């Protein structure tokens, strides 16, 4: 239960980090350049999620007993899972909003 909550909060943090990075890149004028790179532009959120996991040294999936042999595998798996939690985060926020209005 706590692991799911941590993943949802990390997904919220990813949304904030992506927004800040996008605005800084837009200010510098590099946002269009990055979006034109085929692999990086299409998966920009995933790259930011992996970098966020690397910088914060978070291992949230260890709560489910998932472990890897190499450290880079832990970082990439955590980033991919946090990136994939976006639709679930949106559904939880929508559910909470609907419950607060009723």
PDB file of N, CA and C in Angstrom:
ATOM      1  N   UNK A   1       0.814  -1.183   0.000  1.00  0.00           N
ATOM      2  CA  UNK A   1       0.000   0.000   0.000  1.00  0.00           C
ATOM      3  C   UNK A   1       0.868   1.262   0.000  1.00  0.00           C
ATOM      4  N   UNK A   2       1.881   1.274   0.869  1.00  0.00           N
ATOM      5  CA  UNK A   2       2.741   2.443   0.932  1.00  0.00           C
ATOM      6  C   UNK A   2       3.577   2.586  -0.336  1.00  0.00           C
ATOM      7  N   UNK A   3       3.930   1.462  -0.934  1.00  0.00           N
ATOM      8  CA  UNK A   3       4.697   1.518  -2.172  1.00  0.00           C
ATOM      9  C   UNK A   3       3.866   2.144  -3.284  1.00  0.00           C
ATOM     10  N   UNK A   4       2.591   1.798  -3.348  1.00  0.00           N
ATOM     11  CA  UNK A   4       1.712   2.394  -4.356  1.00  0.00           C
ATOM     12  C   UNK A   4       1.580   3.896  -4.134  1.00  0.00           C
ATOM     13  N   UNK A   5       1.442   4.297  -2.883  1.00  0.00           N
ATOM     14  CA  UNK A   5       1.378   5.729  -2.572  1.00  0.00           C
ATOM     15  C   UNK A   5       2.659   6.445  -2.953  1.00  0.00           C
ATOM     16  N   UNK A   6       3.797   5.799  -2.685  1.00  0.00           N
ATOM     17  CA  UNK A   6       5.087   6.400  -3.045  1.00  0.00           C
ATOM     18  C   UNK A   6       5.211   6.537  -4.554  1.00  0.00           C
ATOM     19  N   UNK A   7       4.764   5.530  -5.288  1.00  0.00           N
ATOM     20  CA  UNK A   7       4.827   5.598  -6.749  1.00  0.00           C
ATOM     21  C   UNK A   7       3.920   6.699  -7.291  1.00  0.00           C
ATOM     22  N   UNK A   8       2.751   6.866  -6.687  1.00  0.00           N
ATOM     23  CA  UNK A   8       1.851   7.937  -7.124  1.00  0.00           C
ATOM     24  C   UNK A   8       2.464   9.305  -6.839  1.00  0.00           C
ATOM     25  N   UNK A   9       3.073   9.469  -5.672  1.00  0.00           N
ATOM     26  CA  UNK A   9       3.719  10.743  -5.362  1.00  0.00           C
ATOM     27  C   UNK A   9       4.914  11.007  -6.266  1.00  0.00           C
ATOM     28  N   UNK A  10       5.671   9.967  -6.595  1.00  0.00           N
ATOM     29  CA  UNK A  10       6.794  10.141  -7.513  1.00  0.00           C
ATOM     30  C   UNK A  10       6.293  10.493  -8.912  1.00  0.00           C
ATOM     31  N   UNK A  11       5.128   9.979  -9.285  1.00  0.00           N
ATOM     32  CA  UNK A  11       4.539  10.344 -10.577  1.00  0.00           C
ATOM     33  C   UNK A  11       4.126  11.814 -10.588  1.00  0.00           C
ATOM     34  N   UNK A  12       3.617  12.305  -9.462  1.00  0.00           N
ATOM     35  CA  UNK A  12       3.296  13.731  -9.350  1.00  0.00           C
ATOM     36  C   UNK A  12       4.576  14.556  -9.452  1.00  0.00           C
ATOM     37  N   UNK A  13       5.624  14.098  -8.765  1.00  0.00           N
ATOM     38  CA  UNK A  13       6.919  14.776  -8.835  1.00  0.00           C
ATOM     39  C   UNK A  13       7.464  14.779 -10.258  1.00  0.00           C
ATOM     40  N   UNK A  14       7.266  13.687 -10.979  1.00  0.00           N
ATOM     41  CA  UNK A  14       7.711  13.622 -12.374  1.00  0.00           C
ATOM     42  C   UNK A  14       6.988  14.657 -13.224  1.00  0.00           C
ATOM     43  N   UNK A  15       5.693  14.824 -13.007  1.00  0.00           N
ATOM     44  CA  UNK A  15       4.952  15.841 -13.750  1.00  0.00           C
ATOM     45  C   UNK A  15       5.481  17.235 -13.486  1.00  0.00           C
ATOM     46  N   UNK A  16       5.807  17.511 -12.238  1.00  0.00           N
ATOM     47  CA  UNK A  16       6.359  18.820 -11.897  1.00  0.00           C
ATOM     48  C   UNK A  16       7.753  19.001 -12.495  1.00  0.00           C
ATOM     49  N   UNK A  17       8.583  17.971 -12.391  1.00  0.00           N
ATOM     50  CA  UNK A  17       9.949  18.064 -12.923  1.00  0.00           C
ATOM     51  C   UNK A  17       9.937  18.224 -14.435  1.00  0.00           C
ATOM     52  N   UNK A  18       9.063  17.495 -15.101  1.00  0.00           N
ATOM     53  CA  UNK A  18       8.972  17.613 -16.557  1.00  0.00           C
ATOM     54  C   UNK A  18       8.509  19.010 -16.961  1.00  0.00           C
ATOM     55  N   UNK A  19       7.552  19.549 -16.225  1.00  0.00           N
ATOM     56  CA  UNK A  19       7.075  20.903 -16.521  1.00  0.00           C
ATOM     57  C   UNK A  19       8.160  21.954 -16.344  1.00  0.00           C
ATOM     58  N   UNK A  20       8.932  21.845 -15.275  1.00  0.00           N
ATOM     59  CA  UNK A  20      10.015  22.804 -15.031  1.00  0.00           C
ATOM     60  C   UNK A  20      11.093  22.683 -16.094  1.00  0.00           C
ATOM     61  N   UNK A  21      11.485  21.449 -16.406  1.00  0.00           N
ATOM     62  CA  UNK A  21      12.531  21.246 -17.416  1.00  0.00           C
ATOM     63  C   UNK A  21      12.062  21.753 -18.773  1.00  0.00           C
ATOM     64  N   UNK A  22      10.791  21.481 -19.114  1.00  0.00           N
ATOM     65  CA  UNK A  22      10.260  21.968 -20.393  1.00  0.00           C
ATOM     66  C   UNK A  22      10.244  23.496 -20.455  1.00  0.00           C
ATOM     67  N   UNK A  23       9.889  24.143 -19.356  1.00  0.00           N
ATOM     68  CA  UNK A  23       9.860  25.606 -19.376  1.00  0.00           C
ATOM     69  C   UNK A  23      11.262  26.194 -19.460  1.00  0.00           C
ATOM     70  N   UNK A  24      12.230  25.570 -18.797  1.00  0.00           N
ATOM     71  CA  UNK A  24      13.615  26.048 -18.886  1.00  0.00           C
ATOM     72  C   UNK A  24      14.152  25.845 -20.296  1.00  0.00           C
ATOM     73  N   UNK A  25      13.861  24.693 -20.886  1.00  0.00           N
ATOM     74  CA  UNK A  25      14.310  24.454 -22.258  1.00  0.00           C
ATOM     75  C   UNK A  25      13.622  25.406 -23.233  1.00  0.00           C
ATOM     76  N   UNK A  26      12.358  25.735 -22.981  1.00  0.00           N
ATOM     77  CA  UNK A  26      11.660  26.698 -23.822  1.00  0.00           C
ATOM     78  C   UNK A  26      12.242  28.090 -23.687  1.00  0.00           C
ATOM     79  N   UNK A  27      12.664  28.434 -22.496  1.00  0.00           N
ATOM     80  CA  UNK A  27      13.282  29.740 -22.260  1.00  0.00           C
ATOM     81  C   UNK A  27      14.609  29.855 -23.004  1.00  0.00           C
ATOM     82  N   UNK A  28      15.360  28.753 -23.016  1.00  0.00           N
ATOM     83  CA  UNK A  28      16.654  28.735 -23.700  1.00  0.00           C
ATOM     84  C   UNK A  28      16.466  28.588 -25.211  1.00  0.00           C
ATOM     85  N   UNK A  29      15.351  27.997 -25.620  1.00  0.00           N
ATOM     86  CA  UNK A  29      15.087  27.786 -27.041  1.00  0.00           C
ATOM     87  C   UNK A  29      15.512  26.419 -27.533  1.00  0.00           C
ATOM     88  N   UNK A  30      15.755  25.500 -26.605  1.00  0.00           N
ATOM     89  CA  UNK A  30      16.213  24.168 -26.996  1.00  0.00           C
ATOM     90  C   UNK A  30      15.092  23.140 -27.004  1.00  0.00           C
ATOM     91  N   UNK A  31      13.870  23.542 -26.668  1.00  0.00           N
ATOM     92  CA  UNK A  31      12.781  22.574 -26.596  1.00  0.00           C
ATOM     93  C   UNK A  31      12.425  21.987 -27.954  1.00  0.00           C
ATOM     94  N   UNK A  32      12.402  22.809 -28.982  1.00  0.00           N
ATOM     95  CA  UNK A  32      12.076  22.315 -30.324  1.00  0.00           C
ATOM     96  C   UNK A  32      13.176  21.416 -30.863  1.00  0.00           C
ATOM     97  N   UNK A  33      14.411  21.727 -30.529  1.00  0.00           N
ATOM     98  CA  UNK A  33      15.541  20.907 -30.960  1.00  0.00           C
ATOM     99  C   UNK A  33      15.462  19.516 -30.338  1.00  0.00           C
ATOM    100  N   UNK A  34      15.150  19.454 -29.061  1.00  0.00           N
ATOM    101  CA  UNK A  34      15.066  18.156 -28.380  1.00  0.00           C
ATOM    102  C   UNK A  34      13.879  17.355 -28.887  1.00  0.00           C
ATOM    103  N   UNK A  35      12.749  17.999 -29.113  1.00  0.00           N
ATOM    104  CA  UNK A  35      11.556  17.301 -29.595  1.00  0.00           C
ATOM    105  C   UNK A  35      11.744  16.749 -31.008  1.00  0.00           C
ATOM    106  N   UNK A  36      12.699  17.276 -31.770  1.00  0.00           N
ATOM    107  CA  UNK A  36      12.935  16.797 -33.133  1.00  0.00           C
ATOM    108  C   UNK A  36      13.812  15.555 -33.171  1.00  0.00           C
ATOM    109  N   UNK A  37      14.556  15.277 -32.102  1.00  0.00           N
ATOM    110  CA  UNK A  37      15.381  14.064 -32.059  1.00  0.00           C
ATOM    111  C   UNK A  37      14.424  12.878 -31.952  1.00  0.00           C
ATOM    112  N   UNK A  38      14.507  11.908 -32.880  1.00  0.00           N
ATOM    113  CA  UNK A  38      13.466  10.876 -32.984  1.00  0.00           C
ATOM    114  C   UNK A  38      13.201  10.092 -31.691  1.00  0.00           C
ATOM    115  N   UNK A  39      14.180   9.512 -31.086  1.00  0.00           N
ATOM    116  CA  UNK A  39      13.950   8.654 -29.924  1.00  0.00           C
ATOM    117  C   UNK A  39      13.737   9.488 -28.666  1.00  0.00           C
ATOM    118  N   UNK A  40      14.534  10.499 -28.466  1.00  0.00           N
ATOM    119  CA  UNK A  40      14.452  11.303 -27.246  1.00  0.00           C
ATOM    120  C   UNK A  40      13.196  12.166 -27.240  1.00  0.00           C
ATOM    121  N   UNK A  41      12.843  12.749 -28.345  1.00  0.00           N
ATOM    122  CA  UNK A  41      11.660  13.606 -28.401  1.00  0.00           C
ATOM    123  C   UNK A  41      10.370  12.852 -28.135  1.00  0.00           C
ATOM    124  N   UNK A  42      10.296  11.611 -28.607  1.00  0.00           N
ATOM    125  CA  UNK A  42       9.078  10.824 -28.425  1.00  0.00           C
ATOM    126  C   UNK A  42       8.949  10.283 -27.001  1.00  0.00           C
ATOM    127  N   UNK A  43      10.071  10.111 -26.316  1.00  0.00           N
ATOM    128  CA  UNK A  43      10.060   9.515 -24.980  1.00  0.00           C
ATOM    129  C   UNK A  43      10.713  10.444 -23.954  1.00  0.00           C
ATOM    130  N   UNK A  44      10.412  11.714 -24.070  1.00  0.00           N
ATOM    131  CA  UNK A  44      11.027  12.725 -23.208  1.00  0.00           C
ATOM    132  C   UNK A  44      10.685  12.497 -21.733  1.00  0.00           C
ATOM    133  N   UNK A  45       9.445  12.164 -21.440  1.00  0.00           N
ATOM    134  CA  UNK A  45       9.025  11.926 -20.062  1.00  0.00           C
ATOM    135  C   UNK A  45       9.733  10.744 -19.436  1.00  0.00           C
ATOM    136  N   UNK A  46       9.961   9.707 -20.222  1.00  0.00           N
ATOM    137  CA  UNK A  46      10.680   8.536 -19.718  1.00  0.00           C
ATOM    138  C   UNK A  46      12.121   8.888 -19.383  1.00  0.00           C
ATOM    139  N   UNK A  47      12.752   9.673 -20.231  1.00  0.00           N
ATOM    140  CA  UNK A  47      14.128  10.093 -19.966  1.00  0.00           C
ATOM    141  C   UNK A  47      14.207  10.942 -18.695  1.00  0.00           C
ATOM    142  N   UNK A  48      13.262  11.835 -18.509  1.00  0.00           N
ATOM    143  CA  UNK A  48      13.242  12.662 -17.301  1.00  0.00           C
ATOM    144  C   UNK A  48      12.985  11.790 -16.070  1.00  0.00           C
ATOM    145  N   UNK A  49      12.130  10.776 -16.192  1.00  0.00           N
ATOM    146  CA  UNK A  49      11.852   9.879 -15.066  1.00  0.00           C
ATOM    147  C   UNK A  49      13.100   9.096 -14.660  1.00  0.00           C
ATOM    148  N   UNK A  50      13.835   8.599 -15.640  1.00  0.00           N
ATOM    149  CA  UNK A  50      15.063   7.853 -15.332  1.00  0.00           C
ATOM    150  C   UNK A  50      16.093   8.779 -14.704  1.00  0.00           C
ATOM    151  N   UNK A  51      16.239   9.984 -15.238  1.00  0.00           N
ATOM    152  CA  UNK A  51      17.179  10.943 -14.646  1.00  0.00           C
ATOM    153  C   UNK A  51      16.757  11.327 -13.232  1.00  0.00           C
ATOM    154  N   UNK A  52      15.457  11.458 -13.002  1.00  0.00           N
ATOM    155  CA  UNK A  52      14.972  11.779 -11.667  1.00  0.00           C
ATOM    156  C   UNK A  52      15.301  10.657 -10.680  1.00  0.00           C
ATOM    157  N   UNK A  53      15.132   9.410 -11.103  1.00  0.00           N
ATOM    158  CA  UNK A  53      15.460   8.277 -10.235  1.00  0.00           C
ATOM    159  C   UNK A  53      16.955   8.198  -9.971  1.00  0.00           C
ATOM    160  N   UNK A  54      17.741   8.538 -10.962  1.00  0.00           N
ATOM    161  CA  UNK A  54      19.190   8.528 -10.780  1.00  0.00           C
ATOM    162  C   UNK A  54      19.634   9.623  -9.811  1.00  0.00           C
ATOM    163  N   UNK A  55      19.062  10.809  -9.952  1.00  0.00           N
ATOM    164  CA  UNK A  55      19.444  11.915  -9.079  1.00  0.00           C
ATOM    165  C   UNK A  55      18.972  11.723  -7.642  1.00  0.00           C
ATOM    166  N   UNK A  56      17.771  11.213  -7.456  1.00  0.00           N
ATOM    167  CA  UNK A  56      17.237  11.041  -6.109  1.00  0.00           C
ATOM    168  C   UNK A  56      17.633   9.717  -5.477  1.00  0.00           C
ATOM    169  N   UNK A  57      18.164   8.795  -6.261  1.00  0.00           N
ATOM    170  CA  UNK A  57      18.588   7.474  -5.787  1.00  0.00           C
ATOM    171  C   UNK A  57      17.434   6.747  -5.095  1.00  0.00           C
ATOM    172  N   UNK A  58      16.279   6.801  -5.732  1.00  0.00           N
ATOM    173  CA  UNK A  58      15.083   6.181  -5.173  1.00  0.00           C
ATOM    174  C   UNK A  58      14.950   4.752  -5.707  1.00  0.00           C
ATOM    175  N   UNK A  59      14.473   3.851  -4.851  1.00  0.00           N
ATOM    176  CA  UNK A  59      14.223   2.469  -5.253  1.00  0.00           C
ATOM    177  C   UNK A  59      12.863   2.068  -4.705  1.00  0.00           C
ATOM    178  N   UNK A  60      11.826   2.622  -5.287  1.00  0.00           N
ATOM    179  CA  UNK A  60      10.484   2.407  -4.762  1.00  0.00           C
ATOM    180  C   UNK A  60       9.935   1.017  -5.062  1.00  0.00           C
ATOM    181  N   UNK A  61      10.410   0.358  -6.088  1.00  0.00           N
ATOM    182  CA  UNK A  61       9.863  -0.960  -6.425  1.00  0.00           C
ATOM    183  C   UNK A  61      10.424  -2.061  -5.540  1.00  0.00           C
ATOM    184  N   UNK A  62      11.402  -1.735  -4.698  1.00  0.00           N
ATOM    185  CA  UNK A  62      11.919  -2.755  -3.791  1.00  0.00           C
ATOM    186  C   UNK A  62      10.858  -3.153  -2.763  1.00  0.00           C
ATOM    187  N   UNK A  63       9.842  -2.322  -2.568  1.00  0.00           N
ATOM    188  CA  UNK A  63       8.749  -2.651  -1.659  1.00  0.00           C
ATOM    189  C   UNK A  63       7.946  -3.857  -2.120  1.00  0.00           C
ATOM    190  N   UNK A  64       7.993  -4.158  -3.398  1.00  0.00           N
ATOM    191  CA  UNK A  64       7.329  -5.340  -3.929  1.00  0.00           C
ATOM    192  C   UNK A  64       8.279  -6.518  -4.089  1.00  0.00           C
ATOM    193  N   UNK A  65       9.492  -6.365  -3.619  1.00  0.00           N
ATOM    194  CA  UNK A  65      10.465  -7.451  -3.690  1.00  0.00           C
ATOM    195  C   UNK A  65      11.164  -7.558  -5.026  1.00  0.00           C
ATOM    196  N   UNK A  66      11.071  -6.536  -5.847  1.00  0.00           N
ATOM    197  CA  UNK A  66      11.735  -6.540  -7.148  1.00  0.00           C
ATOM    198  C   UNK A  66      13.173  -6.071  -6.948  1.00  0.00           C
ATOM    199  N   UNK A  67      14.112  -6.884  -7.391  1.00  0.00           N
ATOM    200  CA  UNK A  67      15.519  -6.544  -7.227  1.00  0.00           C
ATOM    201  C   UNK A  67      16.267  -6.941  -8.496  1.00  0.00           C
ATOM    202  N   UNK A  68      17.285  -6.176  -8.831  1.00  0.00           N
ATOM    203  CA  UNK A  68      18.080  -6.426 -10.025  1.00  0.00           C
ATOM    204  C   UNK A  68      19.540  -6.607  -9.641  1.00  0.00           C
ATOM    205  N   UNK A  69      20.290  -7.203 -10.545  1.00  0.00           N
ATOM    206  CA  UNK A  69      21.710  -7.433 -10.276  1.00  0.00           C
ATOM    207  C   UNK A  69      22.538  -6.168 -10.395  1.00  0.00           C
ATOM    208  N   UNK A  70      22.202  -5.329 -11.329  1.00  0.00           N
ATOM    209  CA  UNK A  70      22.986  -4.126 -11.607  1.00  0.00           C
ATOM    210  C   UNK A  70      22.224  -2.885 -11.165  1.00  0.00           C
ATOM    211  N   UNK A  71      22.946  -1.868 -10.735  1.00  0.00           N
ATOM    212  CA  UNK A  71      22.338  -0.627 -10.260  1.00  0.00           C
ATOM    213  C   UNK A  71      21.609   0.119 -11.376  1.00  0.00           C
ATOM    214  N   UNK A  72      22.153   0.098 -12.604  1.00  0.00           N
ATOM    215  CA  UNK A  72      21.518   0.818 -13.697  1.00  0.00           C
ATOM    216  C   UNK A  72      20.162   0.207 -14.034  1.00  0.00           C
ATOM    217  N   UNK A  73      20.020  -1.104 -13.825  1.00  0.00           N
ATOM    218  CA  UNK A  73      18.735  -1.743 -14.077  1.00  0.00           C
ATOM    219  C   UNK A  73      17.679  -1.263 -13.091  1.00  0.00           C
ATOM    220  N   UNK A  74      18.073  -1.061 -11.839  1.00  0.00           N
ATOM    221  CA  UNK A  74      17.155  -0.546 -10.820  1.00  0.00           C
ATOM    222  C   UNK A  74      16.702   0.861 -11.193  1.00  0.00           C
ATOM    223  N   UNK A  75      17.635   1.687 -11.628  1.00  0.00           N
ATOM    224  CA  UNK A  75      17.313   3.070 -11.980  1.00  0.00           C
ATOM    225  C   UNK A  75      16.358   3.123 -13.168  1.00  0.00           C
ATOM    226  N   UNK A  76      16.652   2.357 -14.206  1.00  0.00           N
ATOM    227  CA  UNK A  76      15.806   2.360 -15.413  1.00  0.00           C
ATOM    228  C   UNK A  76      14.433   1.766 -15.119  1.00  0.00           C
ATOM    229  N   UNK A  77      14.373   0.687 -14.341  1.00  0.00           N
ATOM    230  CA  UNK A  77      13.079   0.070 -14.027  1.00  0.00           C
ATOM    231  C   UNK A  77      12.223   1.003 -13.178  1.00  0.00           C
ATOM    232  N   UNK A  78      12.821   1.638 -12.186  1.00  0.00           N
ATOM    233  CA  UNK A  78      12.065   2.590 -11.370  1.00  0.00           C
ATOM    234  C   UNK A  78      11.558   3.752 -12.211  1.00  0.00           C
ATOM    235  N   UNK A  79      12.406   4.280 -13.084  1.00  0.00           N
ATOM    236  CA  UNK A  79      11.991   5.370 -13.956  1.00  0.00           C
ATOM    237  C   UNK A  79      10.858   4.973 -14.878  1.00  0.00           C
ATOM    238  N   UNK A  80      10.950   3.782 -15.449  1.00  0.00           N
ATOM    239  CA  UNK A  80       9.904   3.322 -16.366  1.00  0.00           C
ATOM    240  C   UNK A  80       8.587   3.102 -15.634  1.00  0.00           C
ATOM    241  N   UNK A  81       8.657   2.571 -14.420  1.00  0.00           N
ATOM    242  CA  UNK A  81       7.428   2.331 -13.662  1.00  0.00           C
ATOM    243  C   UNK A  81       6.800   3.652 -13.232  1.00  0.00           C
ATOM    244  N   UNK A  82       7.619   4.594 -12.788  1.00  0.00           N
ATOM    245  CA  UNK A  82       7.086   5.899 -12.393  1.00  0.00           C
ATOM    246  C   UNK A  82       6.476   6.608 -13.606  1.00  0.00           C
ATOM    247  N   UNK A  83       7.127   6.503 -14.756  1.00  0.00           N
ATOM    248  CA  UNK A  83       6.583   7.099 -15.974  1.00  0.00           C
ATOM    249  C   UNK A  83       5.246   6.433 -16.342  1.00  0.00           C
ATOM    250  N   UNK A  84       5.163   5.141 -16.174  1.00  0.00           N
ATOM    251  CA  UNK A  84       3.938   4.407 -16.487  1.00  0.00           C
ATOM    252  C   UNK A  84       2.805   4.650 -15.508  1.00  0.00           C
ATOM    253  N   UNK A  85       3.113   5.213 -14.341  1.00  0.00           N
ATOM    254  CA  UNK A  85       2.089   5.493 -13.328  1.00  0.00           C
ATOM    255  C   UNK A  85       1.277   6.752 -13.659  1.00  0.00           C
ATOM    256  N   UNK A  86       1.621   7.458 -14.706  1.00  0.00           N
ATOM    257  CA  UNK A  86       0.933   8.700 -15.066  1.00  0.00           C
ATOM    258  C   UNK A  86      -0.570   8.544 -15.219  1.00  0.00           C
ATOM    259  N   UNK A  87      -1.058   7.581 -16.006  1.00  0.00           N
ATOM    260  CA  UNK A  87      -2.512   7.427 -16.138  1.00  0.00           C
ATOM    261  C   UNK A  87      -3.189   7.033 -14.826  1.00  0.00           C
ATOM    262  N   UNK A  88      -2.519   6.223 -14.015  1.00  0.00           N
ATOM    263  CA  UNK A  88      -3.092   5.846 -12.727  1.00  0.00           C
ATOM    264  C   UNK A  88      -3.160   7.054 -11.797  1.00  0.00           C
ATOM    265  N   UNK A  89      -2.121   7.877 -11.822  1.00  0.00           N
ATOM    266  CA  UNK A  89      -2.118   9.113 -11.027  1.00  0.00           C
ATOM    267  C   UNK A  89      -3.272  10.008 -11.450  1.00  0.00           C
ATOM    268  N   UNK A  90      -3.479  10.156 -12.750  1.00  0.00           N
ATOM    269  CA  UNK A  90      -4.577  10.987 -13.242  1.00  0.00           C
ATOM    270  C   UNK A  90      -5.930  10.426 -12.803  1.00  0.00           C
ATOM    271  N   UNK A  91      -6.077   9.103 -12.808  1.00  0.00           N
ATOM    272  CA  UNK A  91      -7.329   8.480 -12.386  1.00  0.00           C
ATOM    273  C   UNK A  91      -7.567   8.683 -10.896  1.00  0.00           C
ATOM    274  N   UNK A  92      -6.516   8.567 -10.084  1.00  0.00           N
ATOM    275  CA  UNK A  92      -6.665   8.770  -8.639  1.00  0.00           C
ATOM    276  C   UNK A  92      -7.022  10.214  -8.340  1.00  0.00           C
ATOM    277  N   UNK A  93      -6.366  11.159  -9.007  1.00  0.00           N
ATOM    278  CA  UNK A  93      -6.673  12.576  -8.793  1.00  0.00           C
ATOM    279  C   UNK A  93      -8.108  12.870  -9.221  1.00  0.00           C
ATOM    280  N   UNK A  94      -8.542  12.307 -10.323  1.00  0.00           N
ATOM    281  CA  UNK A  94      -9.921  12.498 -10.778  1.00  0.00           C
ATOM    282  C   UNK A  94     -10.915  11.907  -9.779  1.00  0.00           C
ATOM    283  N   UNK A  95     -10.595  10.727  -9.244  1.00  0.00           N
ATOM    284  CA  UNK A  95     -11.473  10.091  -8.270  1.00  0.00           C
ATOM    285  C   UNK A  95     -11.577  10.934  -6.999  1.00  0.00           C
ATOM    286  N   UNK A  96     -10.459  11.456  -6.542  1.00  0.00           N
ATOM    287  CA  UNK A  96     -10.472  12.296  -5.340  1.00  0.00           C
ATOM    288  C   UNK A  96     -11.261  13.576  -5.599  1.00  0.00           C
ATOM    289  N   UNK A  97     -11.056  14.181  -6.760  1.00  0.00           N
ATOM    290  CA  UNK A  97     -11.800  15.400  -7.087  1.00  0.00           C
ATOM    291  C   UNK A  97     -13.310  15.161  -7.135  1.00  0.00           C
ATOM    292  N   UNK A  98     -13.716  14.056  -7.701  1.00  0.00           N
ATOM    293  CA  UNK A  98     -15.147  13.749  -7.766  1.00  0.00           C
ATOM    294  C   UNK A  98     -15.713  13.466  -6.379  1.00  0.00           C
ATOM    295  N   UNK A  99     -14.916  12.851  -5.528  1.00  0.00           N
ATOM    296  CA  UNK A  99     -15.381  12.567  -4.167  1.00  0.00           C
ATOM    297  C   UNK A  99     -15.465  13.815  -3.325  1.00  0.00           C
ATOM    298  N   UNK A 100     -14.608  14.774  -3.577  1.00  0.00           N
ATOM    299  CA  UNK A 100     -14.634  16.007  -2.798  1.00  0.00           C
ATOM    300  C   UNK A 100     -15.780  16.915  -3.201  1.00  0.00           C
ATOM    301  N   UNK A 101     -16.301  16.766  -4.417  1.00  0.00           N
ATOM    302  CA  UNK A 101     -17.416  17.593  -4.867  1.00  0.00           C
ATOM    303  C   UNK A 101     -18.751  17.047  -4.429  1.00  0.00           C
ATOM    304  N   UNK A 102     -18.820  15.774  -4.167  1.00  0.00           N
ATOM    305  CA  UNK A 102     -20.110  15.143  -3.848  1.00  0.00           C
ATOM    306  C   UNK A 102     -20.597  15.461  -2.453  1.00  0.00           C
TER     307      UNK A 102
END
